[in-house]
Amino acid sequence: MSVGHTLLGILEQGPRHGYELKRAYDEHFGHDRPLHYGQVYATLSRLLRNGLIIEDGVEQGGGPDRKRYAVTDEGVTDVERWLTTPEKPEPYLQSTLYTKVVIALRSGRDAEDLLDTQRAAHLAMMRELVTRKSRGDLTDQLICDHALFHLEADLRWLELTTARLADLGKQVRP
């Protein structure tokens, strides 16, 4: 995910302070990976340097001055370009799971046990996501569905690979 574009998109709704941007980001996109304040301010510095945002005022308080940021016309154009450019589909041709299976087979280890252990981990994660989805709002439900569909595809691959282990072992063993 592009943190810079996400912050620009949030700023399109109106000027905000860095801590307000972090809070909005974490609320909508950072359930599992909240932004660090350092990342927010480093990203804001880059956006400022590139002319995509401006400082829209400074408030003084009991602590350090709080800068408010606003998106520029160039920033709006950049968000529009980002939103209308399709993401490159990731075929995962260099999957860690595939690599582990081949290494296990080449070394004489039990690849089926590896696949069973991985399947159990996937199923446990799926149960957690289903619980989270049942308790969440629509945005949480959508992100959980996205993750669940990816895990489901992984499970199908794990089943197919398990069924083909003997043939794969013949091809990859030294």
C-alpha atoms as a PDB file:
ATOM      1  CA  MET A   1       0.000   0.000   0.000  1.00  0.00           C
ATOM      2  CA  SER A   2       1.214   3.488  -0.774  1.00  0.00           C
ATOM      3  CA  VAL A   3       1.233   5.371   2.524  1.00  0.00           C
ATOM      4  CA  GLY A   4       1.885   8.655   0.708  1.00  0.00           C
ATOM      5  CA  HIS A   5      -1.108   8.278  -1.581  1.00  0.00           C
ATOM      6  CA  THR A   6      -3.275   7.181   1.318  1.00  0.00           C
ATOM      7  CA  LEU A   7      -2.329  10.264   3.342  1.00  0.00           C
ATOM      8  CA  LEU A   8      -2.978  12.462   0.287  1.00  0.00           C
ATOM      9  CA  GLY A   9      -6.403  10.859  -0.079  1.00  0.00           C
ATOM     10  CA  ILE A  10      -7.174  11.594   3.570  1.00  0.00           C
ATOM     11  CA  LEU A  11      -5.984  15.188   3.132  1.00  0.00           C
ATOM     12  CA  GLU A  12      -8.390  15.644   0.219  1.00  0.00           C
ATOM     13  CA  GLN A  13     -11.134  15.654   2.867  1.00  0.00           C
ATOM     14  CA  GLY A  14      -9.557  18.711   4.480  1.00  0.00           C
ATOM     15  CA  PRO A  15      -6.381  19.952   6.183  1.00  0.00           C
ATOM     16  CA  ARG A  16      -5.113  17.938   9.142  1.00  0.00           C
ATOM     17  CA  HIS A  17      -2.271  17.698  11.616  1.00  0.00           C
ATOM     18  CA  GLY A  18       0.135  14.773  11.458  1.00  0.00           C
ATOM     19  CA  TYR A  19      -1.370  13.050  14.480  1.00  0.00           C
ATOM     20  CA  GLU A  20      -4.869  13.376  12.945  1.00  0.00           C
ATOM     21  CA  LEU A  21      -3.581  11.790   9.728  1.00  0.00           C
ATOM     22  CA  LYS A  22      -2.082   8.906  11.695  1.00  0.00           C
ATOM     23  CA  ARG A  23      -5.329   8.390  13.598  1.00  0.00           C
ATOM     24  CA  ALA A  24      -7.427   8.406  10.380  1.00  0.00           C
ATOM     25  CA  TYR A  25      -4.975   6.041   8.653  1.00  0.00           C
ATOM     26  CA  ASP A  26      -4.887   3.619  11.578  1.00  0.00           C
ATOM     27  CA  GLU A  27      -8.685   3.676  11.921  1.00  0.00           C
ATOM     28  CA  HIS A  28      -9.325   2.748   8.291  1.00  0.00           C
ATOM     29  CA  PHE A  29      -6.188   0.942   7.091  1.00  0.00           C
ATOM     30  CA  GLY A  30      -3.880   0.138   9.982  1.00  0.00           C
ATOM     31  CA  HIS A  31      -5.757  -2.386  12.118  1.00  0.00           C
ATOM     32  CA  ASP A  32      -2.927  -4.885  11.824  1.00  0.00           C
ATOM     33  CA  ARG A  33      -0.106  -2.474  10.989  1.00  0.00           C
ATOM     34  CA  PRO A  34      -0.577   0.961  12.488  1.00  0.00           C
ATOM     35  CA  LEU A  35       1.730   3.672  11.222  1.00  0.00           C
ATOM     36  CA  HIS A  36       4.585   4.866  13.380  1.00  0.00           C
ATOM     37  CA  TYR A  37       4.680   8.608  13.931  1.00  0.00           C
ATOM     38  CA  GLY A  38       8.137   8.704  12.356  1.00  0.00           C
ATOM     39  CA  GLN A  39       6.743   7.183   9.172  1.00  0.00           C
ATOM     40  CA  VAL A  40       3.903   9.726   9.075  1.00  0.00           C
ATOM     41  CA  TYR A  41       6.249  12.691   9.407  1.00  0.00           C
ATOM     42  CA  ALA A  42       8.855  11.284   7.010  1.00  0.00           C
ATOM     43  CA  THR A  43       6.090  10.760   4.431  1.00  0.00           C
ATOM     44  CA  LEU A  44       4.729  14.273   5.035  1.00  0.00           C
ATOM     45  CA  SER A  45       8.233  15.710   4.531  1.00  0.00           C
ATOM     46  CA  ARG A  46       8.541  13.883   1.206  1.00  0.00           C
ATOM     47  CA  LEU A  47       5.083  15.004   0.070  1.00  0.00           C
ATOM     48  CA  LEU A  48       5.923  18.591   1.064  1.00  0.00           C
ATOM     49  CA  ARG A  49       9.261  18.468  -0.776  1.00  0.00           C
ATOM     50  CA  ASN A  50       7.515  17.097  -3.904  1.00  0.00           C
ATOM     51  CA  GLY A  51       4.893  19.860  -3.861  1.00  0.00           C
ATOM     52  CA  LEU A  52       1.981  17.502  -3.228  1.00  0.00           C
ATOM     53  CA  ILE A  53       1.048  19.139   0.097  1.00  0.00           C
ATOM     54  CA  ILE A  54       1.621  22.501   1.756  1.00  0.00           C
ATOM     55  CA  GLU A  55       1.778  23.659   5.341  1.00  0.00           C
ATOM     56  CA  ASP A  56      -1.638  25.185   6.000  1.00  0.00           C
ATOM     57  CA  GLY A  57      -0.937  26.761   9.356  1.00  0.00           C
ATOM     58  CA  VAL A  58       0.765  26.178  12.666  1.00  0.00           C
ATOM     59  CA  GLU A  59      -0.939  25.960  16.039  1.00  0.00           C
ATOM     60  CA  GLN A  60       0.986  26.633  19.199  1.00  0.00           C
ATOM     61  CA  GLY A  61       0.118  24.823  22.367  1.00  0.00           C
ATOM     62  CA  GLY A  62       1.641  23.416  25.503  1.00  0.00           C
ATOM     63  CA  GLY A  63       3.957  21.168  23.501  1.00  0.00           C
ATOM     64  CA  PRO A  64       5.678  21.488  20.162  1.00  0.00           C
ATOM     65  CA  ASP A  65       4.039  23.529  17.409  1.00  0.00           C
ATOM     66  CA  ARG A  66       1.499  21.518  15.426  1.00  0.00           C
ATOM     67  CA  LYS A  67       1.682  21.971  11.665  1.00  0.00           C
ATOM     68  CA  ARG A  68      -1.463  21.501   9.652  1.00  0.00           C
ATOM     69  CA  TYR A  69      -1.115  20.135   6.118  1.00  0.00           C
ATOM     70  CA  ALA A  70      -3.318  20.523   3.042  1.00  0.00           C
ATOM     71  CA  VAL A  71      -3.194  18.801  -0.326  1.00  0.00           C
ATOM     72  CA  THR A  72      -2.205  20.841  -3.394  1.00  0.00           C
ATOM     73  CA  ASP A  73      -3.738  20.627  -6.870  1.00  0.00           C
ATOM     74  CA  GLU A  74      -0.711  18.532  -7.853  1.00  0.00           C
ATOM     75  CA  GLY A  75      -1.435  16.222  -4.924  1.00  0.00           C
ATOM     76  CA  VAL A  76      -5.056  15.779  -6.015  1.00  0.00           C
ATOM     77  CA  THR A  77      -3.858  14.977  -9.556  1.00  0.00           C
ATOM     78  CA  ASP A  78      -1.376  12.456  -8.136  1.00  0.00           C
ATOM     79  CA  VAL A  79      -4.108  10.715  -6.108  1.00  0.00           C
ATOM     80  CA  GLU A  80      -6.370  10.632  -9.175  1.00  0.00           C
ATOM     81  CA  ARG A  81      -3.591   9.044 -11.251  1.00  0.00           C
ATOM     82  CA  TRP A  82      -2.905   6.501  -8.487  1.00  0.00           C
ATOM     83  CA  LEU A  83      -6.591   5.602  -8.145  1.00  0.00           C
ATOM     84  CA  THR A  84      -7.077   5.111 -11.889  1.00  0.00           C
ATOM     85  CA  THR A  85      -3.919   3.039 -12.427  1.00  0.00           C
ATOM     86  CA  PRO A  86      -4.611  -0.670 -11.904  1.00  0.00           C
ATOM     87  CA  GLU A  87      -2.387  -2.521  -9.462  1.00  0.00           C
ATOM     88  CA  LYS A  88      -0.060  -5.054 -11.042  1.00  0.00           C
ATOM     89  CA  PRO A  89      -1.443  -8.528 -10.362  1.00  0.00           C
ATOM     90  CA  GLU A  90       1.080 -10.457  -8.285  1.00  0.00           C
ATOM     91  CA  PRO A  91       1.498 -14.024  -9.540  1.00  0.00           C
ATOM     92  CA  TYR A  92       3.638 -15.087  -6.542  1.00  0.00           C
ATOM     93  CA  LEU A  93       5.987 -17.101  -8.733  1.00  0.00           C
ATOM     94  CA  GLN A  94       8.687 -17.049  -6.054  1.00  0.00           C
ATOM     95  CA  SER A  95       6.522 -18.209  -3.175  1.00  0.00           C
ATOM     96  CA  THR A  96       8.215 -19.008   0.115  1.00  0.00           C
ATOM     97  CA  LEU A  97       5.841 -21.959   0.534  1.00  0.00           C
ATOM     98  CA  TYR A  98       6.907 -23.424  -2.807  1.00  0.00           C
ATOM     99  CA  THR A  99      10.579 -22.901  -1.927  1.00  0.00           C
ATOM    100  CA  LYS A 100      10.150 -24.684   1.421  1.00  0.00           C
ATOM    101  CA  VAL A 101       8.471 -27.661  -0.257  1.00  0.00           C
ATOM    102  CA  VAL A 102      11.252 -28.020  -2.836  1.00  0.00           C
ATOM    103  CA  ILE A 103      14.014 -27.653  -0.225  1.00  0.00           C
ATOM    104  CA  ALA A 104      12.297 -30.231   2.006  1.00  0.00           C
ATOM    105  CA  LEU A 105      12.016 -32.684  -0.892  1.00  0.00           C
ATOM    106  CA  ARG A 106      15.608 -32.106  -2.049  1.00  0.00           C
ATOM    107  CA  SER A 107      16.928 -32.666   1.461  1.00  0.00           C
ATOM    108  CA  GLY A 108      14.868 -35.771   2.167  1.00  0.00           C
ATOM    109  CA  ARG A 109      12.701 -34.063   4.776  1.00  0.00           C
ATOM    110  CA  ASP A 110       8.961 -34.651   5.136  1.00  0.00           C
ATOM    111  CA  ALA A 111       7.346 -32.137   2.768  1.00  0.00           C
ATOM    112  CA  GLU A 112       3.877 -33.484   3.542  1.00  0.00           C
ATOM    113  CA  ASP A 113       4.359 -32.662   7.221  1.00  0.00           C
ATOM    114  CA  LEU A 114       5.473 -29.164   6.231  1.00  0.00           C
ATOM    115  CA  LEU A 115       2.298 -28.754   4.131  1.00  0.00           C
ATOM    116  CA  ASP A 116       0.093 -30.096   6.957  1.00  0.00           C
ATOM    117  CA  THR A 117       1.653 -27.659   9.432  1.00  0.00           C
ATOM    118  CA  GLN A 118       1.154 -24.797   7.002  1.00  0.00           C
ATOM    119  CA  ARG A 119      -2.451 -25.834   6.371  1.00  0.00           C
ATOM    120  CA  ALA A 120      -3.110 -25.752  10.132  1.00  0.00           C
ATOM    121  CA  ALA A 121      -1.614 -22.250  10.365  1.00  0.00           C
ATOM    122  CA  HIS A 122      -3.767 -21.057   7.458  1.00  0.00           C
ATOM    123  CA  LEU A 123      -6.920 -22.537   8.996  1.00  0.00           C
ATOM    124  CA  ALA A 124      -6.165 -20.919  12.359  1.00  0.00           C
ATOM    125  CA  MET A 125      -5.705 -17.540  10.672  1.00  0.00           C
ATOM    126  CA  MET A 126      -8.934 -18.035   8.743  1.00  0.00           C
ATOM    127  CA  ARG A 127     -10.813 -18.734  11.992  1.00  0.00           C
ATOM    128  CA  GLU A 128      -9.422 -15.518  13.494  1.00  0.00           C
ATOM    129  CA  LEU A 129     -10.468 -13.541  10.436  1.00  0.00           C
ATOM    130  CA  VAL A 130     -13.974 -15.013  10.432  1.00  0.00           C
ATOM    131  CA  THR A 131     -14.364 -14.003  14.088  1.00  0.00           C
ATOM    132  CA  ARG A 132     -13.013 -10.514  13.379  1.00  0.00           C
ATOM    133  CA  LYS A 133     -15.299 -10.229  10.354  1.00  0.00           C
ATOM    134  CA  SER A 134     -18.376 -11.186  12.382  1.00  0.00           C
ATOM    135  CA  ARG A 135     -17.623  -8.433  14.918  1.00  0.00           C
ATOM    136  CA  GLY A 136     -16.510  -5.749  12.499  1.00  0.00           C
ATOM    137  CA  ASP A 137     -18.154  -3.033  10.491  1.00  0.00           C
ATOM    138  CA  LEU A 138     -18.425  -3.168   6.710  1.00  0.00           C
ATOM    139  CA  THR A 139     -14.875  -1.874   6.128  1.00  0.00           C
ATOM    140  CA  ASP A 140     -13.456  -4.528   8.435  1.00  0.00           C
ATOM    141  CA  GLN A 141     -15.616  -7.182   6.768  1.00  0.00           C
ATOM    142  CA  LEU A 142     -14.283  -6.223   3.329  1.00  0.00           C
ATOM    143  CA  ILE A 143     -10.610  -6.362   4.356  1.00  0.00           C
ATOM    144  CA  CYS A 144     -11.219  -9.700   6.103  1.00  0.00           C
ATOM    145  CA  ASP A 145     -12.897 -11.059   2.962  1.00  0.00           C
ATOM    146  CA  HIS A 146      -9.867 -10.003   0.922  1.00  0.00           C
ATOM    147  CA  ALA A 147      -7.522 -11.839   3.283  1.00  0.00           C
ATOM    148  CA  LEU A 148      -9.806 -14.881   3.484  1.00  0.00           C
ATOM    149  CA  PHE A 149      -9.946 -15.249  -0.303  1.00  0.00           C
ATOM    150  CA  HIS A 150      -6.136 -15.161  -0.473  1.00  0.00           C
ATOM    151  CA  LEU A 151      -5.838 -17.750   2.276  1.00  0.00           C
ATOM    152  CA  GLU A 152      -8.421 -19.904   0.527  1.00  0.00           C
ATOM    153  CA  ALA A 153      -6.344 -19.807  -2.659  1.00  0.00           C
ATOM    154  CA  ASP A 154      -3.273 -20.800  -0.634  1.00  0.00           C
ATOM    155  CA  LEU A 155      -5.203 -23.737   0.841  1.00  0.00           C
ATOM    156  CA  ARG A 156      -6.181 -24.929  -2.631  1.00  0.00           C
ATOM    157  CA  TRP A 157      -2.498 -24.755  -3.613  1.00  0.00           C
ATOM    158  CA  LEU A 158      -1.488 -26.683  -0.479  1.00  0.00           C
ATOM    159  CA  GLU A 159      -3.991 -29.452  -1.330  1.00  0.00           C
ATOM    160  CA  LEU A 160      -2.861 -29.638  -4.948  1.00  0.00           C
ATOM    161  CA  THR A 161       0.802 -29.703  -3.953  1.00  0.00           C
ATOM    162  CA  THR A 162       0.151 -32.455  -1.397  1.00  0.00           C
ATOM    163  CA  ALA A 163      -1.485 -34.521  -4.131  1.00  0.00           C
ATOM    164  CA  ARG A 164       1.525 -33.998  -6.415  1.00  0.00           C
ATOM    165  CA  LEU A 165       4.338 -34.495  -3.869  1.00  0.00           C
ATOM    166  CA  ALA A 166       5.504 -37.835  -5.213  1.00  0.00           C
ATOM    167  CA  ASP A 167       5.842 -36.520  -8.776  1.00  0.00           C
ATOM    168  CA  LEU A 168       7.416 -33.277  -7.619  1.00  0.00           C
ATOM    169  CA  GLY A 169       9.907 -35.185  -5.488  1.00  0.00           C
ATOM    170  CA  LYS A 170      11.055 -37.167  -8.561  1.00  0.00           C
ATOM    171  CA  GLN A 171      11.668 -33.944 -10.471  1.00  0.00           C
ATOM    172  CA  VAL A 172      13.507 -31.940  -7.817  1.00  0.00           C
ATOM    173  CA  ARG A 173      15.633 -34.516  -5.979  1.00  0.00           C
ATOM    174  CA  PRO A 174      19.325 -34.311  -6.838  1.00  0.00           C
END
